Amino acid sequence: MSKRLSQLYGLEIFTRRAEHVGRVEDVILNLDTGEVMRLCLRSFKAKTLPEDDVKRILQTESIGYNDVIEVGDVVICKKNPLLEGRRNIDDQVMTLSKKK
């Protein structure tokens, strides 16, 4: 199944335990592959925010797309990033924040 990128914006996000996580406010893409990397709970433009804010959003207010279980009328994910606290982010995300 495929969805247009524009269809992701505004979808409610829940964990598989039915905990409400938030709403898709922004999507981070890998422009080389065209794949979705992260769903952000907060809208931002990396070039207008300080690097520390970008890192914080990517660490605590976004969901790696590999943690997404299903996308339909809502997004179902494995865990709630807001409850996870600060966690290590993968090399792809670190690279993204350095490219700003």
PDB file of N, CA and C in Angstrom:
ATOM      1  N   MET A   1       0.839  -1.180   0.000  1.00  0.00           N
ATOM      2  CA  MET A   1       0.000   0.000   0.000  1.00  0.00           C
ATOM      3  C   MET A   1       0.884   1.243   0.000  1.00  0.00           C
ATOM      4  N   SER A   2       0.466   2.229  -0.711  1.00  0.00           N
ATOM      5  CA  SER A   2       1.227   3.470  -0.732  1.00  0.00           C
ATOM      6  C   SER A   2       0.311   4.634  -0.369  1.00  0.00           C
ATOM      7  N   LYS A   3       0.924   5.694   0.120  1.00  0.00           N
ATOM      8  CA  LYS A   3       0.202   6.919   0.471  1.00  0.00           C
ATOM      9  C   LYS A   3       0.990   8.092  -0.080  1.00  0.00           C
ATOM     10  N   ARG A   4       0.292   9.112  -0.424  1.00  0.00           N
ATOM     11  CA  ARG A   4       0.962  10.357  -0.798  1.00  0.00           C
ATOM     12  C   ARG A   4       1.534  10.971   0.466  1.00  0.00           C
ATOM     13  N   LEU A   5       2.641  11.628   0.332  1.00  0.00           N
ATOM     14  CA  LEU A   5       3.278  12.279   1.473  1.00  0.00           C
ATOM     15  C   LEU A   5       2.309  13.240   2.150  1.00  0.00           C
ATOM     16  N   SER A   6       1.544  13.968   1.366  1.00  0.00           N
ATOM     17  CA  SER A   6       0.609  14.947   1.924  1.00  0.00           C
ATOM     18  C   SER A   6      -0.465  14.281   2.787  1.00  0.00           C
ATOM     19  N   GLN A   7      -0.726  12.996   2.578  1.00  0.00           N
ATOM     20  CA  GLN A   7      -1.731  12.292   3.367  1.00  0.00           C
ATOM     21  C   GLN A   7      -1.239  11.952   4.774  1.00  0.00           C
ATOM     22  N   LEU A   8       0.069  12.018   5.002  1.00  0.00           N
ATOM     23  CA  LEU A   8       0.613  11.729   6.332  1.00  0.00           C
ATOM     24  C   LEU A   8       0.389  12.887   7.298  1.00  0.00           C
ATOM     25  N   TYR A   9       0.439  14.111   6.772  1.00  0.00           N
ATOM     26  CA  TYR A   9       0.314  15.289   7.632  1.00  0.00           C
ATOM     27  C   TYR A   9      -1.053  15.314   8.322  1.00  0.00           C
ATOM     28  N   GLY A  10      -1.028  15.531   9.613  1.00  0.00           N
ATOM     29  CA  GLY A  10      -2.258  15.638  10.385  1.00  0.00           C
ATOM     30  C   GLY A  10      -2.792  14.320  10.920  1.00  0.00           C
ATOM     31  N   LEU A  11      -2.197  13.194  10.508  1.00  0.00           N
ATOM     32  CA  LEU A  11      -2.671  11.910  11.036  1.00  0.00           C
ATOM     33  C   LEU A  11      -2.337  11.809  12.521  1.00  0.00           C
ATOM     34  N   GLU A  12      -3.266  11.279  13.289  1.00  0.00           N
ATOM     35  CA  GLU A  12      -3.028  11.037  14.710  1.00  0.00           C
ATOM     36  C   GLU A  12      -2.111   9.827  14.843  1.00  0.00           C
ATOM     37  N   ILE A  13      -1.251   9.858  15.856  1.00  0.00           N
ATOM     38  CA  ILE A  13      -0.300   8.782  16.099  1.00  0.00           C
ATOM     39  C   ILE A  13      -0.623   8.132  17.439  1.00  0.00           C
ATOM     40  N   PHE A  14      -0.693   6.799  17.435  1.00  0.00           N
ATOM     41  CA  PHE A  14      -0.952   6.021  18.639  1.00  0.00           C
ATOM     42  C   PHE A  14       0.080   4.902  18.738  1.00  0.00           C
ATOM     43  N   THR A  15       0.365   4.464  19.970  1.00  0.00           N
ATOM     44  CA  THR A  15       1.186   3.269  20.140  1.00  0.00           C
ATOM     45  C   THR A  15       0.290   2.054  19.948  1.00  0.00           C
ATOM     46  N   ARG A  16       0.896   0.895  19.864  1.00  0.00           N
ATOM     47  CA  ARG A  16       0.085  -0.322  19.719  1.00  0.00           C
ATOM     48  C   ARG A  16      -0.728  -0.617  20.970  1.00  0.00           C
ATOM     49  N   ARG A  17      -0.430   0.099  22.077  1.00  0.00           N
ATOM     50  CA  ARG A  17      -1.207  -0.024  23.309  1.00  0.00           C
ATOM     51  C   ARG A  17      -2.277   1.066  23.407  1.00  0.00           C
ATOM     52  N   ALA A  18      -2.535   1.735  22.312  1.00  0.00           N
ATOM     53  CA  ALA A  18      -3.569   2.769  22.189  1.00  0.00           C
ATOM     54  C   ALA A  18      -3.260   4.035  22.980  1.00  0.00           C
ATOM     55  N   GLU A  19      -1.984   4.289  23.278  1.00  0.00           N
ATOM     56  CA  GLU A  19      -1.588   5.561  23.904  1.00  0.00           C
ATOM     57  C   GLU A  19      -1.503   6.610  22.801  1.00  0.00           C
ATOM     58  N   HIS A  20      -2.139   7.752  23.013  1.00  0.00           N
ATOM     59  CA  HIS A  20      -2.069   8.822  22.023  1.00  0.00           C
ATOM     60  C   HIS A  20      -0.703   9.487  22.125  1.00  0.00           C
ATOM     61  N   VAL A  21       0.003   9.546  21.010  1.00  0.00           N
ATOM     62  CA  VAL A  21       1.345  10.134  20.967  1.00  0.00           C
ATOM     63  C   VAL A  21       1.293  11.571  20.496  1.00  0.00           C
ATOM     64  N   GLY A  22       0.491  11.845  19.495  1.00  0.00           N
ATOM     65  CA  GLY A  22       0.415  13.190  18.929  1.00  0.00           C
ATOM     66  C   GLY A  22      -0.111  13.130  17.516  1.00  0.00           C
ATOM     67  N   ARG A  23       0.319  14.101  16.735  1.00  0.00           N
ATOM     68  CA  ARG A  23      -0.140  14.232  15.352  1.00  0.00           C
ATOM     69  C   ARG A  23       1.078  14.454  14.473  1.00  0.00           C
ATOM     70  N   VAL A  24       1.054  13.923  13.267  1.00  0.00           N
ATOM     71  CA  VAL A  24       2.153  14.133  12.316  1.00  0.00           C
ATOM     72  C   VAL A  24       2.125  15.590  11.881  1.00  0.00           C
ATOM     73  N   GLU A  25       3.150  16.327  12.263  1.00  0.00           N
ATOM     74  CA  GLU A  25       3.258  17.742  11.909  1.00  0.00           C
ATOM     75  C   GLU A  25       4.298  17.978  10.824  1.00  0.00           C
ATOM     76  N   ASP A  26       5.267  17.064  10.731  1.00  0.00           N
ATOM     77  CA  ASP A  26       6.317  17.208   9.735  1.00  0.00           C
ATOM     78  C   ASP A  26       6.856  15.824   9.396  1.00  0.00           C
ATOM     79  N   VAL A  27       7.419  15.690   8.211  1.00  0.00           N
ATOM     80  CA  VAL A  27       7.963  14.419   7.745  1.00  0.00           C
ATOM     81  C   VAL A  27       9.379  14.673   7.258  1.00  0.00           C
ATOM     82  N   ILE A  28      10.302  13.805   7.661  1.00  0.00           N
ATOM     83  CA  ILE A  28      11.684  13.920   7.207  1.00  0.00           C
ATOM     84  C   ILE A  28      11.942  12.800   6.209  1.00  0.00           C
ATOM     85  N   LEU A  29      12.408  13.198   5.038  1.00  0.00           N
ATOM     86  CA  LEU A  29      12.661  12.259   3.948  1.00  0.00           C
ATOM     87  C   LEU A  29      14.147  12.093   3.708  1.00  0.00           C
ATOM     88  N   ASN A  30      14.523  10.925   3.222  1.00  0.00           N
ATOM     89  CA  ASN A  30      15.851  10.709   2.675  1.00  0.00           C
ATOM     90  C   ASN A  30      15.719  11.056   1.198  1.00  0.00           C
ATOM     91  N   LEU A  31      16.280  12.170   0.797  1.00  0.00           N
ATOM     92  CA  LEU A  31      16.110  12.634  -0.578  1.00  0.00           C
ATOM     93  C   LEU A  31      16.816  11.750  -1.596  1.00  0.00           C
ATOM     94  N   ASP A  32      17.837  11.012  -1.151  1.00  0.00           N
ATOM     95  CA  ASP A  32      18.529  10.115  -2.072  1.00  0.00           C
ATOM     96  C   ASP A  32      17.672   8.908  -2.438  1.00  0.00           C
ATOM     97  N   THR A  33      16.943   8.377  -1.464  1.00  0.00           N
ATOM     98  CA  THR A  33      16.152   7.162  -1.707  1.00  0.00           C
ATOM     99  C   THR A  33      14.660   7.441  -1.836  1.00  0.00           C
ATOM    100  N   GLY A  34      14.220   8.622  -1.397  1.00  0.00           N
ATOM    101  CA  GLY A  34      12.802   8.947  -1.420  1.00  0.00           C
ATOM    102  C   GLY A  34      12.018   8.309  -0.287  1.00  0.00           C
ATOM    103  N   GLU A  35      12.709   7.724   0.680  1.00  0.00           N
ATOM    104  CA  GLU A  35      12.046   7.047   1.795  1.00  0.00           C
ATOM    105  C   GLU A  35      11.781   7.999   2.951  1.00  0.00           C
ATOM    106  N   VAL A  36      10.689   7.738   3.660  1.00  0.00           N
ATOM    107  CA  VAL A  36      10.389   8.485   4.878  1.00  0.00           C
ATOM    108  C   VAL A  36      11.342   7.994   5.973  1.00  0.00           C
ATOM    109  N   MET A  37      12.009   8.932   6.649  1.00  0.00           N
ATOM    110  CA  MET A  37      12.920   8.580   7.738  1.00  0.00           C
ATOM    111  C   MET A  37      12.268   8.755   9.098  1.00  0.00           C
ATOM    112  N   ARG A  38      11.582   9.889   9.306  1.00  0.00           N
ATOM    113  CA  ARG A  38      11.009  10.193  10.610  1.00  0.00           C
ATOM    114  C   ARG A  38       9.694  10.930  10.452  1.00  0.00           C
ATOM    115  N   LEU A  39       8.808  10.737  11.428  1.00  0.00           N
ATOM    116  CA  LEU A  39       7.582  11.516  11.548  1.00  0.00           C
ATOM    117  C   LEU A  39       7.755  12.412  12.760  1.00  0.00           C
ATOM    118  N   CYS A  40       7.595  13.709  12.579  1.00  0.00           N
ATOM    119  CA  CYS A  40       7.807  14.668  13.667  1.00  0.00           C
ATOM    120  C   CYS A  40       6.473  15.095  14.263  1.00  0.00           C
ATOM    121  N   LEU A  41       6.477  15.237  15.574  1.00  0.00           N
ATOM    122  CA  LEU A  41       5.290  15.678  16.302  1.00  0.00           C
ATOM    123  C   LEU A  41       5.216  17.190  16.360  1.00  0.00           C
ATOM    124  N   ARG A  42       6.229  17.830  15.855  1.00  0.00           N
ATOM    125  CA  ARG A  42       6.293  19.292  15.851  1.00  0.00           C
ATOM    126  C   ARG A  42       6.806  19.746  14.495  1.00  0.00           C
ATOM    127  N   SER A  43       6.174  20.740  13.951  1.00  0.00           N
ATOM    128  CA  SER A  43       6.594  21.274  12.668  1.00  0.00           C
ATOM    129  C   SER A  43       7.830  22.151  12.867  1.00  0.00           C
ATOM    130  N   PHE A  44       8.786  22.004  11.993  1.00  0.00           N
ATOM    131  CA  PHE A  44       9.969  22.853  12.085  1.00  0.00           C
ATOM    132  C   PHE A  44      10.659  22.940  10.733  1.00  0.00           C
ATOM    133  N   LYS A  45      11.459  23.981  10.623  1.00  0.00           N
ATOM    134  CA  LYS A  45      12.331  24.149   9.470  1.00  0.00           C
ATOM    135  C   LYS A  45      13.742  24.211  10.024  1.00  0.00           C
ATOM    136  N   ALA A  46      14.533  23.221   9.675  1.00  0.00           N
ATOM    137  CA  ALA A  46      15.863  23.080  10.260  1.00  0.00           C
ATOM    138  C   ALA A  46      16.720  24.335  10.098  1.00  0.00           C
ATOM    139  N   LYS A  47      16.541  25.062   9.027  1.00  0.00           N
ATOM    140  CA  LYS A  47      17.388  26.239   8.804  1.00  0.00           C
ATOM    141  C   LYS A  47      16.979  27.432   9.657  1.00  0.00           C
ATOM    142  N   THR A  48      15.814  27.386  10.283  1.00  0.00           N
ATOM    143  CA  THR A  48      15.372  28.521  11.081  1.00  0.00           C
ATOM    144  C   THR A  48      15.507  28.270  12.577  1.00  0.00           C
ATOM    145  N   LEU A  49      15.901  27.076  12.967  1.00  0.00           N
ATOM    146  CA  LEU A  49      16.047  26.732  14.383  1.00  0.00           C
ATOM    147  C   LEU A  49      17.507  26.542  14.741  1.00  0.00           C
ATOM    148  N   PRO A  50      17.872  26.855  15.972  1.00  0.00           N
ATOM    149  CA  PRO A  50      19.234  26.543  16.419  1.00  0.00           C
ATOM    150  C   PRO A  50      19.465  25.035  16.369  1.00  0.00           C
ATOM    151  N   GLU A  51      20.694  24.635  16.168  1.00  0.00           N
ATOM    152  CA  GLU A  51      21.047  23.214  16.041  1.00  0.00           C
ATOM    153  C   GLU A  51      20.578  22.403  17.248  1.00  0.00           C
ATOM    154  N   ASP A  52      20.689  22.967  18.449  1.00  0.00           N
ATOM    155  CA  ASP A  52      20.258  22.245  19.653  1.00  0.00           C
ATOM    156  C   ASP A  52      18.762  21.946  19.620  1.00  0.00           C
ATOM    157  N   ASP A  53      17.954  22.889  19.124  1.00  0.00           N
ATOM    158  CA  ASP A  53      16.509  22.661  19.023  1.00  0.00           C
ATOM    159  C   ASP A  53      16.202  21.573  18.005  1.00  0.00           C
ATOM    160  N   VAL A  54      16.913  21.578  16.895  1.00  0.00           N
ATOM    161  CA  VAL A  54      16.713  20.557  15.872  1.00  0.00           C
ATOM    162  C   VAL A  54      17.024  19.186  16.463  1.00  0.00           C
ATOM    163  N   LYS A  55      18.143  19.071  17.163  1.00  0.00           N
ATOM    164  CA  LYS A  55      18.524  17.788  17.765  1.00  0.00           C
ATOM    165  C   LYS A  55      17.484  17.331  18.779  1.00  0.00           C
ATOM    166  N   ARG A  56      16.994  18.262  19.600  1.00  0.00           N
ATOM    167  CA  ARG A  56      16.007  17.907  20.618  1.00  0.00           C
ATOM    168  C   ARG A  56      14.719  17.399  19.973  1.00  0.00           C
ATOM    169  N   ILE A  57      14.274  18.082  18.931  1.00  0.00           N
ATOM    170  CA  ILE A  57      13.059  17.650  18.240  1.00  0.00           C
ATOM    171  C   ILE A  57      13.258  16.256  17.644  1.00  0.00           C
ATOM    172  N   LEU A  58      14.394  16.054  17.010  1.00  0.00           N
ATOM    173  CA  LEU A  58      14.656  14.749  16.389  1.00  0.00           C
ATOM    174  C   LEU A  58      14.784  13.647  17.439  1.00  0.00           C
ATOM    175  N   GLN A  59      15.302  13.984  18.610  1.00  0.00           N
ATOM    176  CA  GLN A  59      15.503  12.982  19.658  1.00  0.00           C
ATOM    177  C   GLN A  59      14.240  12.690  20.444  1.00  0.00           C
ATOM    178  N   THR A  60      13.467  13.689  20.764  1.00  0.00           N
ATOM    179  CA  THR A  60      12.367  13.492  21.711  1.00  0.00           C
ATOM    180  C   THR A  60      10.981  13.760  21.141  1.00  0.00           C
ATOM    181  N   GLU A  61      10.896  14.364  19.972  1.00  0.00           N
ATOM    182  CA  GLU A  61       9.591  14.707  19.419  1.00  0.00           C
ATOM    183  C   GLU A  61       9.412  14.183  18.000  1.00  0.00           C
ATOM    184  N   SER A  62      10.009  13.022  17.741  1.00  0.00           N
ATOM    185  CA  SER A  62       9.836  12.406  16.432  1.00  0.00           C
ATOM    186  C   SER A  62       9.916  10.893  16.577  1.00  0.00           C
ATOM    187  N   ILE A  63       9.437  10.227  15.567  1.00  0.00           N
ATOM    188  CA  ILE A  63       9.394   8.772  15.556  1.00  0.00           C
ATOM    189  C   ILE A  63      10.131   8.289  14.318  1.00  0.00           C
ATOM    190  N   GLY A  64      11.119   7.417  14.510  1.00  0.00           N
ATOM    191  CA  GLY A  64      11.788   6.806  13.371  1.00  0.00           C
ATOM    192  C   GLY A  64      10.785   5.976  12.588  1.00  0.00           C
ATOM    193  N   TYR A  65      10.818   6.080  11.274  1.00  0.00           N
ATOM    194  CA  TYR A  65       9.816   5.372  10.492  1.00  0.00           C
ATOM    195  C   TYR A  65       9.943   3.858  10.645  1.00  0.00           C
ATOM    196  N   ASN A  66      11.111   3.394  11.050  1.00  0.00           N
ATOM    197  CA  ASN A  66      11.267   1.962  11.313  1.00  0.00           C
ATOM    198  C   ASN A  66      10.483   1.530  12.558  1.00  0.00           C
ATOM    199  N   ASP A  67      10.037   2.484  13.387  1.00  0.00           N
ATOM    200  CA  ASP A  67       9.203   2.191  14.551  1.00  0.00           C
ATOM    201  C   ASP A  67       7.708   2.265  14.228  1.00  0.00           C
ATOM    202  N   VAL A  68       7.383   2.605  12.990  1.00  0.00           N
ATOM    203  CA  VAL A  68       5.980   2.673  12.574  1.00  0.00           C
ATOM    204  C   VAL A  68       5.530   1.273  12.171  1.00  0.00           C
ATOM    205  N   ILE A  69       4.416   0.842  12.756  1.00  0.00           N
ATOM    206  CA  ILE A  69       3.874  -0.480  12.471  1.00  0.00           C
ATOM    207  C   ILE A  69       2.909  -0.433  11.299  1.00  0.00           C
ATOM    208  N   GLU A  70       2.047   0.584  11.296  1.00  0.00           N
ATOM    209  CA  GLU A  70       1.029   0.673  10.259  1.00  0.00           C
ATOM    210  C   GLU A  70       0.592   2.115  10.060  1.00  0.00           C
ATOM    211  N   VAL A  71       0.252   2.440   8.817  1.00  0.00           N
ATOM    212  CA  VAL A  71      -0.296   3.754   8.483  1.00  0.00           C
ATOM    213  C   VAL A  71      -1.608   3.527   7.755  1.00  0.00           C
ATOM    214  N   GLY A  72      -2.662   4.093   8.296  1.00  0.00           N
ATOM    215  CA  GLY A  72      -3.989   4.007   7.677  1.00  0.00           C
ATOM    216  C   GLY A  72      -4.702   5.302   7.981  1.00  0.00           C
ATOM    217  N   ASP A  73      -5.838   5.210   8.653  1.00  0.00           N
ATOM    218  CA  ASP A  73      -6.537   6.412   9.103  1.00  0.00           C
ATOM    219  C   ASP A  73      -5.781   7.075  10.242  1.00  0.00           C
ATOM    220  N   VAL A  74      -4.960   6.287  10.947  1.00  0.00           N
ATOM    221  CA  VAL A  74      -4.061   6.758  11.997  1.00  0.00           C
ATOM    222  C   VAL A  74      -2.723   6.071  11.795  1.00  0.00           C
ATOM    223  N   VAL A  75      -1.711   6.538  12.519  1.00  0.00           N
ATOM    224  CA  VAL A  75      -0.393   5.905  12.505  1.00  0.00           C
ATOM    225  C   VAL A  75      -0.265   5.099  13.792  1.00  0.00           C
ATOM    226  N   ILE A  76       0.167   3.855  13.668  1.00  0.00           N
ATOM    227  CA  ILE A  76       0.423   3.004  14.829  1.00  0.00           C
ATOM    228  C   ILE A  76       1.928   2.806  14.906  1.00  0.00           C
ATOM    229  N   CYS A  77       2.496   3.093  16.080  1.00  0.00           N
ATOM    230  CA  CYS A  77       3.941   2.952  16.250  1.00  0.00           C
ATOM    231  C   CYS A  77       4.256   2.038  17.430  1.00  0.00           C
ATOM    232  N   LYS A  78       5.486   1.590  17.514  1.00  0.00           N
ATOM    233  CA  LYS A  78       5.913   0.650  18.553  1.00  0.00           C
ATOM    234  C   LYS A  78       5.965   1.275  19.936  1.00  0.00           C
ATOM    235  N   LYS A  79       6.417   2.533  20.014  1.00  0.00           N
ATOM    236  CA  LYS A  79       6.609   3.143  21.334  1.00  0.00           C
ATOM    237  C   LYS A  79       6.337   4.636  21.271  1.00  0.00           C
ATOM    238  N   ASN A  80       6.138   5.203  22.417  1.00  0.00           N
ATOM    239  CA  ASN A  80       5.867   6.633  22.536  1.00  0.00           C
ATOM    240  C   ASN A  80       7.177   7.368  22.784  1.00  0.00           C
ATOM    241  N   PRO A  81       7.642   8.177  21.833  1.00  0.00           N
ATOM    242  CA  PRO A  81       8.918   8.870  22.020  1.00  0.00           C
ATOM    243  C   PRO A  81       8.880   9.880  23.161  1.00  0.00           C
ATOM    244  N   LEU A  82       7.704  10.391  23.476  1.00  0.00           N
ATOM    245  CA  LEU A  82       7.591  11.364  24.562  1.00  0.00           C
ATOM    246  C   LEU A  82       7.859  10.708  25.909  1.00  0.00           C
ATOM    247  N   LEU A  83       7.603   9.412  26.015  1.00  0.00           N
ATOM    248  CA  LEU A  83       7.850   8.691  27.258  1.00  0.00           C
ATOM    249  C   LEU A  83       9.246   8.086  27.304  1.00  0.00           C
ATOM    250  N   GLU A  84       9.876   7.998  26.166  1.00  0.00           N
ATOM    251  CA  GLU A  84      11.203   7.400  26.085  1.00  0.00           C
ATOM    252  C   GLU A  84      12.288   8.331  26.633  1.00  0.00           C
ATOM    253  N   GLY A  85      12.011   9.631  26.665  1.00  0.00           N
ATOM    254  CA  GLY A  85      13.024  10.588  27.085  1.00  0.00           C
ATOM    255  C   GLY A  85      14.103  10.705  26.027  1.00  0.00           C
ATOM    256  N   ARG A  86      15.246  11.188  26.442  1.00  0.00           N
ATOM    257  CA  ARG A  86      16.347  11.315  25.490  1.00  0.00           C
ATOM    258  C   ARG A  86      16.872   9.938  25.150  1.00  0.00           C
ATOM    259  N   ARG A  87      17.089   9.722  23.879  1.00  0.00           N
ATOM    260  CA  ARG A  87      17.623   8.447  23.425  1.00  0.00           C
ATOM    261  C   ARG A  87      18.656   8.711  22.342  1.00  0.00           C
ATOM    262  N   ASN A  88      19.443   7.732  22.076  1.00  0.00           N
ATOM    263  CA  ASN A  88      20.435   7.877  21.012  1.00  0.00           C
ATOM    264  C   ASN A  88      19.725   7.882  19.675  1.00  0.00           C
ATOM    265  N   ILE A  89      20.155   8.761  18.781  1.00  0.00           N
ATOM    266  CA  ILE A  89      19.568   8.788  17.447  1.00  0.00           C
ATOM    267  C   ILE A  89      20.584   8.218  16.469  1.00  0.00           C
ATOM    268  N   ASP A  90      20.089   7.672  15.404  1.00  0.00           N
ATOM    269  CA  ASP A  90      20.962   6.987  14.461  1.00  0.00           C
ATOM    270  C   ASP A  90      21.792   7.978  13.640  1.00  0.00           C
ATOM    271  N   ASP A  91      22.769   7.442  12.944  1.00  0.00           N
ATOM    272  CA  ASP A  91      23.698   8.260  12.170  1.00  0.00           C
ATOM    273  C   ASP A  91      22.990   9.088  11.098  1.00  0.00           C
ATOM    274  N   GLN A  92      21.903   8.568  10.522  1.00  0.00           N
ATOM    275  CA  GLN A  92      21.182   9.303   9.484  1.00  0.00           C
ATOM    276  C   GLN A  92      20.618  10.605  10.033  1.00  0.00           C
ATOM    277  N   VAL A  93      20.087  10.576  11.233  1.00  0.00           N
ATOM    278  CA  VAL A  93      19.494  11.770  11.812  1.00  0.00           C
ATOM    279  C   VAL A  93      20.582  12.761  12.187  1.00  0.00           C
ATOM    280  N   MET A  94      21.694  12.289  12.720  1.00  0.00           N
ATOM    281  CA  MET A  94      22.806  13.183  13.053  1.00  0.00           C
ATOM    282  C   MET A  94      23.309  13.867  11.787  1.00  0.00           C
ATOM    283  N   THR A  95      23.387  13.123  10.702  1.00  0.00           N
ATOM    284  CA  THR A  95      23.821  13.694   9.438  1.00  0.00           C
ATOM    285  C   THR A  95      22.860  14.769   8.967  1.00  0.00           C
ATOM    286  N   LEU A  96      21.573  14.532   9.129  1.00  0.00           N
ATOM    287  CA  LEU A  96      20.556  15.506   8.736  1.00  0.00           C
ATOM    288  C   LEU A  96      20.733  16.828   9.483  1.00  0.00           C
ATOM    289  N   SER A  97      20.938  16.785  10.785  1.00  0.00           N
ATOM    290  CA  SER A  97      21.052  18.013  11.555  1.00  0.00           C
ATOM    291  C   SER A  97      22.350  18.750  11.247  1.00  0.00           C
ATOM    292  N   LYS A  98      23.388  18.054  10.818  1.00  0.00           N
ATOM    293  CA  LYS A  98      24.653  18.705  10.471  1.00  0.00           C
ATOM    294  C   LYS A  98      24.583  19.385   9.109  1.00  0.00           C
ATOM    295  N   LYS A  99      23.658  18.947   8.251  1.00  0.00           N
ATOM    296  CA  LYS A  99      23.552  19.509   6.894  1.00  0.00           C
ATOM    297  C   LYS A  99      22.848  20.854   6.868  1.00  0.00           C
ATOM    298  N   LYS A 100      22.295  21.290   7.974  1.00  0.00           N
ATOM    299  CA  LYS A 100      21.540  22.546   7.988  1.00  0.00           C
ATOM    300  C   LYS A 100      22.372  23.688   7.613  1.00  0.00           C
TER     301      LYS A 100
END
